N, C-alpha and C. Protein backbone atom coordinates (compact mmCIF):
# COMPACT_ATOMS: atom_id res chain seq x y z
N MET A 1 -14.42 -1.51 4.93
CA MET A 1 -14.19 -1.15 3.56
C MET A 1 -15.09 0.04 3.23
N VAL A 2 -14.48 1.04 2.61
CA VAL A 2 -15.20 2.22 2.17
C VAL A 2 -14.98 2.37 0.68
N LYS A 3 -16.06 2.56 -0.07
CA LYS A 3 -15.95 2.74 -1.52
C LYS A 3 -16.41 4.14 -1.87
N PHE A 4 -15.66 4.77 -2.78
CA PHE A 4 -16.00 6.10 -3.28
C PHE A 4 -16.15 6.03 -4.79
N VAL A 5 -16.98 6.88 -5.33
CA VAL A 5 -17.07 7.04 -6.78
C VAL A 5 -16.01 8.07 -7.15
N PRO A 6 -15.03 7.70 -7.99
CA PRO A 6 -13.95 8.64 -8.30
C PRO A 6 -14.43 9.82 -9.14
N VAL A 7 -13.83 10.97 -8.88
CA VAL A 7 -14.11 12.17 -9.67
C VAL A 7 -13.29 12.11 -10.95
N LYS A 8 -12.05 11.66 -10.84
CA LYS A 8 -11.18 11.53 -12.00
C LYS A 8 -11.27 10.11 -12.54
N ASP A 9 -10.76 9.92 -13.74
CA ASP A 9 -10.77 8.60 -14.35
C ASP A 9 -9.55 7.81 -13.86
N LYS A 10 -9.52 7.56 -12.55
CA LYS A 10 -8.40 6.87 -11.92
C LYS A 10 -8.94 6.09 -10.75
N ASP A 11 -8.67 4.79 -10.73
CA ASP A 11 -9.16 3.93 -9.66
C ASP A 11 -8.00 3.59 -8.74
N VAL A 12 -8.13 3.96 -7.47
CA VAL A 12 -7.06 3.76 -6.50
C VAL A 12 -7.60 2.95 -5.33
N LEU A 13 -6.86 1.92 -4.98
CA LEU A 13 -7.16 1.12 -3.81
C LEU A 13 -6.20 1.55 -2.70
N SER A 14 -6.74 1.92 -1.55
CA SER A 14 -5.92 2.32 -0.41
C SER A 14 -6.11 1.33 0.73
N VAL A 15 -5.01 0.86 1.28
CA VAL A 15 -5.03 0.00 2.46
C VAL A 15 -4.28 0.74 3.55
N THR A 16 -4.93 0.94 4.70
CA THR A 16 -4.34 1.71 5.78
C THR A 16 -4.34 0.90 7.07
N TRP A 17 -3.20 0.89 7.72
CA TRP A 17 -3.06 0.29 9.04
C TRP A 17 -2.91 1.40 10.07
N VAL A 18 -3.64 1.31 11.17
CA VAL A 18 -3.46 2.22 12.30
C VAL A 18 -2.59 1.49 13.31
N LEU A 19 -1.49 2.14 13.70
CA LEU A 19 -0.45 1.50 14.51
C LEU A 19 -0.11 2.34 15.73
N PRO A 20 0.59 1.75 16.69
CA PRO A 20 1.08 2.56 17.80
C PRO A 20 1.99 3.67 17.29
N TYR A 21 2.08 4.74 18.02
CA TYR A 21 2.89 5.90 17.64
C TYR A 21 4.37 5.51 17.60
N VAL A 22 5.01 5.64 16.44
CA VAL A 22 6.41 5.22 16.30
C VAL A 22 7.34 6.33 15.81
N GLN A 23 6.85 7.56 15.72
CA GLN A 23 7.71 8.62 15.22
C GLN A 23 8.91 8.86 16.13
N LYS A 24 8.80 8.52 17.40
CA LYS A 24 9.91 8.70 18.34
C LYS A 24 11.06 7.73 18.05
N GLU A 25 10.82 6.71 17.25
CA GLU A 25 11.84 5.73 16.90
C GLU A 25 12.74 6.31 15.81
N LEU A 26 13.52 7.33 16.17
CA LEU A 26 14.31 8.06 15.18
C LEU A 26 15.42 7.23 14.55
N ARG A 27 16.03 6.35 15.31
CA ARG A 27 17.14 5.56 14.76
C ARG A 27 16.67 4.47 13.81
N SER A 28 15.65 3.73 14.19
CA SER A 28 15.23 2.60 13.35
C SER A 28 14.20 2.99 12.29
N GLN A 29 13.40 3.99 12.52
CA GLN A 29 12.36 4.44 11.59
C GLN A 29 11.66 3.25 10.91
N PRO A 30 10.97 2.43 11.69
CA PRO A 30 10.42 1.19 11.15
C PRO A 30 9.45 1.38 9.99
N LEU A 31 8.64 2.42 10.02
CA LEU A 31 7.68 2.58 8.93
C LEU A 31 8.34 3.06 7.65
N ASN A 32 9.43 3.80 7.76
CA ASN A 32 10.18 4.16 6.55
C ASN A 32 10.80 2.92 5.92
N TYR A 33 11.25 2.01 6.76
CA TYR A 33 11.79 0.73 6.28
C TYR A 33 10.74 -0.02 5.47
N PHE A 34 9.51 -0.10 6.02
CA PHE A 34 8.44 -0.78 5.30
C PHE A 34 8.03 -0.03 4.04
N SER A 35 8.14 1.29 4.06
CA SER A 35 7.85 2.07 2.85
C SER A 35 8.76 1.66 1.70
N HIS A 36 10.04 1.46 2.03
CA HIS A 36 10.99 1.05 1.00
C HIS A 36 10.70 -0.36 0.50
N LEU A 37 10.34 -1.26 1.41
CA LEU A 37 10.04 -2.63 0.99
C LEU A 37 8.79 -2.69 0.11
N PHE A 38 7.72 -2.05 0.54
CA PHE A 38 6.48 -2.07 -0.25
C PHE A 38 6.62 -1.24 -1.52
N GLY A 39 7.37 -0.15 -1.45
CA GLY A 39 7.50 0.75 -2.59
C GLY A 39 8.51 0.33 -3.63
N HIS A 40 9.27 -0.73 -3.34
CA HIS A 40 10.26 -1.23 -4.31
C HIS A 40 9.56 -1.61 -5.61
N GLU A 41 10.16 -1.24 -6.73
CA GLU A 41 9.52 -1.48 -8.02
C GLU A 41 10.26 -2.50 -8.88
N GLY A 42 11.32 -3.10 -8.36
CA GLY A 42 12.13 -4.01 -9.15
C GLY A 42 11.57 -5.43 -9.19
N GLU A 43 12.43 -6.32 -9.63
CA GLU A 43 12.08 -7.73 -9.75
C GLU A 43 11.63 -8.29 -8.40
N ASN A 44 10.61 -9.12 -8.42
CA ASN A 44 10.04 -9.77 -7.23
C ASN A 44 9.36 -8.82 -6.27
N SER A 45 9.06 -7.61 -6.70
CA SER A 45 8.33 -6.67 -5.85
C SER A 45 6.83 -6.92 -5.97
N ILE A 46 6.09 -6.39 -5.04
CA ILE A 46 4.63 -6.51 -5.12
C ILE A 46 4.10 -5.80 -6.36
N LEU A 47 4.70 -4.66 -6.68
CA LEU A 47 4.26 -3.93 -7.88
C LEU A 47 4.53 -4.73 -9.14
N SER A 48 5.70 -5.35 -9.25
CA SER A 48 6.00 -6.13 -10.46
C SER A 48 5.02 -7.29 -10.61
N TYR A 49 4.63 -7.90 -9.49
CA TYR A 49 3.64 -8.97 -9.54
C TYR A 49 2.29 -8.44 -10.02
N LEU A 50 1.83 -7.33 -9.42
CA LEU A 50 0.52 -6.78 -9.79
C LEU A 50 0.49 -6.34 -11.24
N ILE A 51 1.58 -5.76 -11.72
CA ILE A 51 1.65 -5.35 -13.13
C ILE A 51 1.62 -6.58 -14.04
N SER A 52 2.37 -7.61 -13.68
CA SER A 52 2.41 -8.81 -14.51
C SER A 52 1.05 -9.50 -14.59
N GLU A 53 0.24 -9.34 -13.55
CA GLU A 53 -1.11 -9.91 -13.54
C GLU A 53 -2.12 -8.98 -14.22
N GLY A 54 -1.66 -7.79 -14.63
CA GLY A 54 -2.55 -6.83 -15.27
C GLY A 54 -3.50 -6.14 -14.31
N LEU A 55 -3.12 -6.08 -13.03
CA LEU A 55 -4.01 -5.54 -12.00
C LEU A 55 -3.70 -4.10 -11.59
N ALA A 56 -2.45 -3.65 -11.79
CA ALA A 56 -2.06 -2.34 -11.27
C ALA A 56 -1.15 -1.61 -12.25
N LEU A 57 -1.12 -0.29 -12.07
CA LEU A 57 -0.24 0.58 -12.87
C LEU A 57 0.88 1.16 -12.01
N GLU A 58 0.57 1.51 -10.77
CA GLU A 58 1.58 2.08 -9.87
C GLU A 58 1.19 1.81 -8.43
N LEU A 59 2.18 1.98 -7.55
CA LEU A 59 1.98 1.73 -6.13
C LEU A 59 2.83 2.71 -5.34
N SER A 60 2.27 3.22 -4.26
CA SER A 60 3.04 4.05 -3.33
C SER A 60 2.73 3.59 -1.91
N ALA A 61 3.69 3.79 -1.02
CA ALA A 61 3.51 3.38 0.37
C ALA A 61 4.22 4.37 1.26
N GLY A 62 3.63 4.64 2.42
CA GLY A 62 4.29 5.55 3.33
C GLY A 62 3.57 5.71 4.65
N PRO A 63 4.31 6.22 5.64
CA PRO A 63 3.76 6.41 6.98
C PRO A 63 3.23 7.83 7.19
N ASP A 64 2.49 7.97 8.25
CA ASP A 64 2.09 9.28 8.74
C ASP A 64 1.95 9.15 10.26
N HIS A 65 2.08 10.25 10.95
CA HIS A 65 2.01 10.25 12.41
C HIS A 65 0.99 11.30 12.82
N GLU A 66 0.05 10.90 13.64
CA GLU A 66 -1.08 11.76 13.97
C GLU A 66 -1.12 12.15 15.44
N LEU A 67 -1.11 13.44 15.69
CA LEU A 67 -1.41 14.00 17.01
C LEU A 67 -0.60 13.38 18.15
N TRP A 68 0.60 12.95 17.89
CA TRP A 68 1.46 12.36 18.90
C TRP A 68 0.79 11.19 19.63
N SER A 69 -0.18 10.55 18.95
CA SER A 69 -0.88 9.46 19.62
C SER A 69 -0.91 8.15 18.84
N TYR A 70 -0.84 8.22 17.52
CA TYR A 70 -0.82 6.99 16.73
C TYR A 70 -0.16 7.26 15.38
N SER A 71 0.27 6.20 14.75
CA SER A 71 0.86 6.28 13.42
C SER A 71 -0.02 5.49 12.46
N THR A 72 0.11 5.82 11.17
CA THR A 72 -0.59 5.05 10.15
C THR A 72 0.41 4.66 9.07
N PHE A 73 0.11 3.59 8.40
CA PHE A 73 0.89 3.17 7.24
C PHE A 73 -0.11 2.89 6.13
N GLU A 74 0.11 3.52 4.99
CA GLU A 74 -0.85 3.41 3.89
C GLU A 74 -0.18 2.96 2.61
N ILE A 75 -0.87 2.09 1.90
CA ILE A 75 -0.45 1.64 0.58
C ILE A 75 -1.54 2.04 -0.40
N ASN A 76 -1.15 2.73 -1.46
CA ASN A 76 -2.09 3.15 -2.51
C ASN A 76 -1.69 2.47 -3.81
N VAL A 77 -2.64 1.80 -4.42
CA VAL A 77 -2.40 1.10 -5.68
C VAL A 77 -3.34 1.67 -6.74
N THR A 78 -2.76 2.18 -7.82
CA THR A 78 -3.57 2.62 -8.95
C THR A 78 -3.91 1.38 -9.77
N LEU A 79 -5.19 1.11 -9.86
CA LEU A 79 -5.66 -0.13 -10.48
C LEU A 79 -5.96 0.03 -11.96
N THR A 80 -5.78 -1.05 -12.68
CA THR A 80 -6.29 -1.14 -14.05
C THR A 80 -7.77 -1.48 -13.95
N LYS A 81 -8.46 -1.51 -15.07
CA LYS A 81 -9.87 -1.93 -15.05
C LYS A 81 -9.99 -3.36 -14.55
N LYS A 82 -9.05 -4.21 -14.96
CA LYS A 82 -9.04 -5.60 -14.47
C LYS A 82 -8.78 -5.63 -12.97
N GLY A 83 -7.89 -4.76 -12.50
CA GLY A 83 -7.60 -4.68 -11.07
C GLY A 83 -8.81 -4.23 -10.27
N LEU A 84 -9.58 -3.30 -10.81
CA LEU A 84 -10.79 -2.84 -10.13
C LEU A 84 -11.80 -3.98 -10.03
N GLU A 85 -11.94 -4.74 -11.10
CA GLU A 85 -12.86 -5.89 -11.09
C GLU A 85 -12.40 -6.98 -10.13
N ASN A 86 -11.09 -7.07 -9.90
CA ASN A 86 -10.50 -8.11 -9.06
C ASN A 86 -9.78 -7.51 -7.86
N TYR A 87 -10.36 -6.48 -7.25
CA TYR A 87 -9.67 -5.79 -6.16
C TYR A 87 -9.37 -6.71 -4.98
N GLU A 88 -10.19 -7.76 -4.79
CA GLU A 88 -9.92 -8.71 -3.70
C GLU A 88 -8.57 -9.39 -3.90
N LYS A 89 -8.22 -9.68 -5.14
CA LYS A 89 -6.94 -10.31 -5.45
C LYS A 89 -5.79 -9.36 -5.12
N VAL A 90 -5.99 -8.07 -5.37
CA VAL A 90 -4.97 -7.07 -5.04
C VAL A 90 -4.78 -6.98 -3.53
N ILE A 91 -5.90 -6.94 -2.80
CA ILE A 91 -5.82 -6.91 -1.33
C ILE A 91 -5.13 -8.14 -0.80
N GLU A 92 -5.48 -9.28 -1.34
CA GLU A 92 -4.85 -10.54 -0.92
C GLU A 92 -3.34 -10.50 -1.17
N ALA A 93 -2.92 -9.99 -2.30
CA ALA A 93 -1.49 -9.90 -2.61
C ALA A 93 -0.78 -8.97 -1.63
N ILE A 94 -1.40 -7.86 -1.28
CA ILE A 94 -0.80 -6.92 -0.32
C ILE A 94 -0.61 -7.60 1.03
N PHE A 95 -1.64 -8.29 1.51
CA PHE A 95 -1.54 -8.93 2.81
C PHE A 95 -0.58 -10.13 2.79
N GLN A 96 -0.51 -10.85 1.69
CA GLN A 96 0.46 -11.93 1.58
C GLN A 96 1.88 -11.38 1.61
N TYR A 97 2.10 -10.26 0.93
CA TYR A 97 3.42 -9.62 0.93
C TYR A 97 3.76 -9.11 2.33
N ALA A 98 2.79 -8.50 3.00
CA ALA A 98 3.01 -8.02 4.37
C ALA A 98 3.35 -9.17 5.29
N LYS A 99 2.67 -10.27 5.13
CA LYS A 99 2.94 -11.46 5.96
C LYS A 99 4.34 -11.98 5.69
N ARG A 100 4.75 -11.94 4.43
CA ARG A 100 6.07 -12.44 4.05
C ARG A 100 7.21 -11.60 4.64
N ILE A 101 7.01 -10.27 4.65
CA ILE A 101 8.08 -9.43 5.18
C ILE A 101 7.95 -9.24 6.67
């Protein structure tokens, strides 16, 4: 865990997974699939849950591919003040959702 003091008045929680290189998977694009699942904003989404708990304002998710050697998948959650105070609950929700999908 790395903590930074924000320059702007915006608190963002980032969760990053380092994964095997998958950019060559052109047909299935597995990380783009997960981007859509995590980034969904409708009913029963992780974002709708976090908003209903007063923990988050927005969420984004997406992959990146580095140096033809590994891929990353990152989720960024803009937290409310309550979310910042309870960031462990936000992390727990992200991992529970990941486990579910």
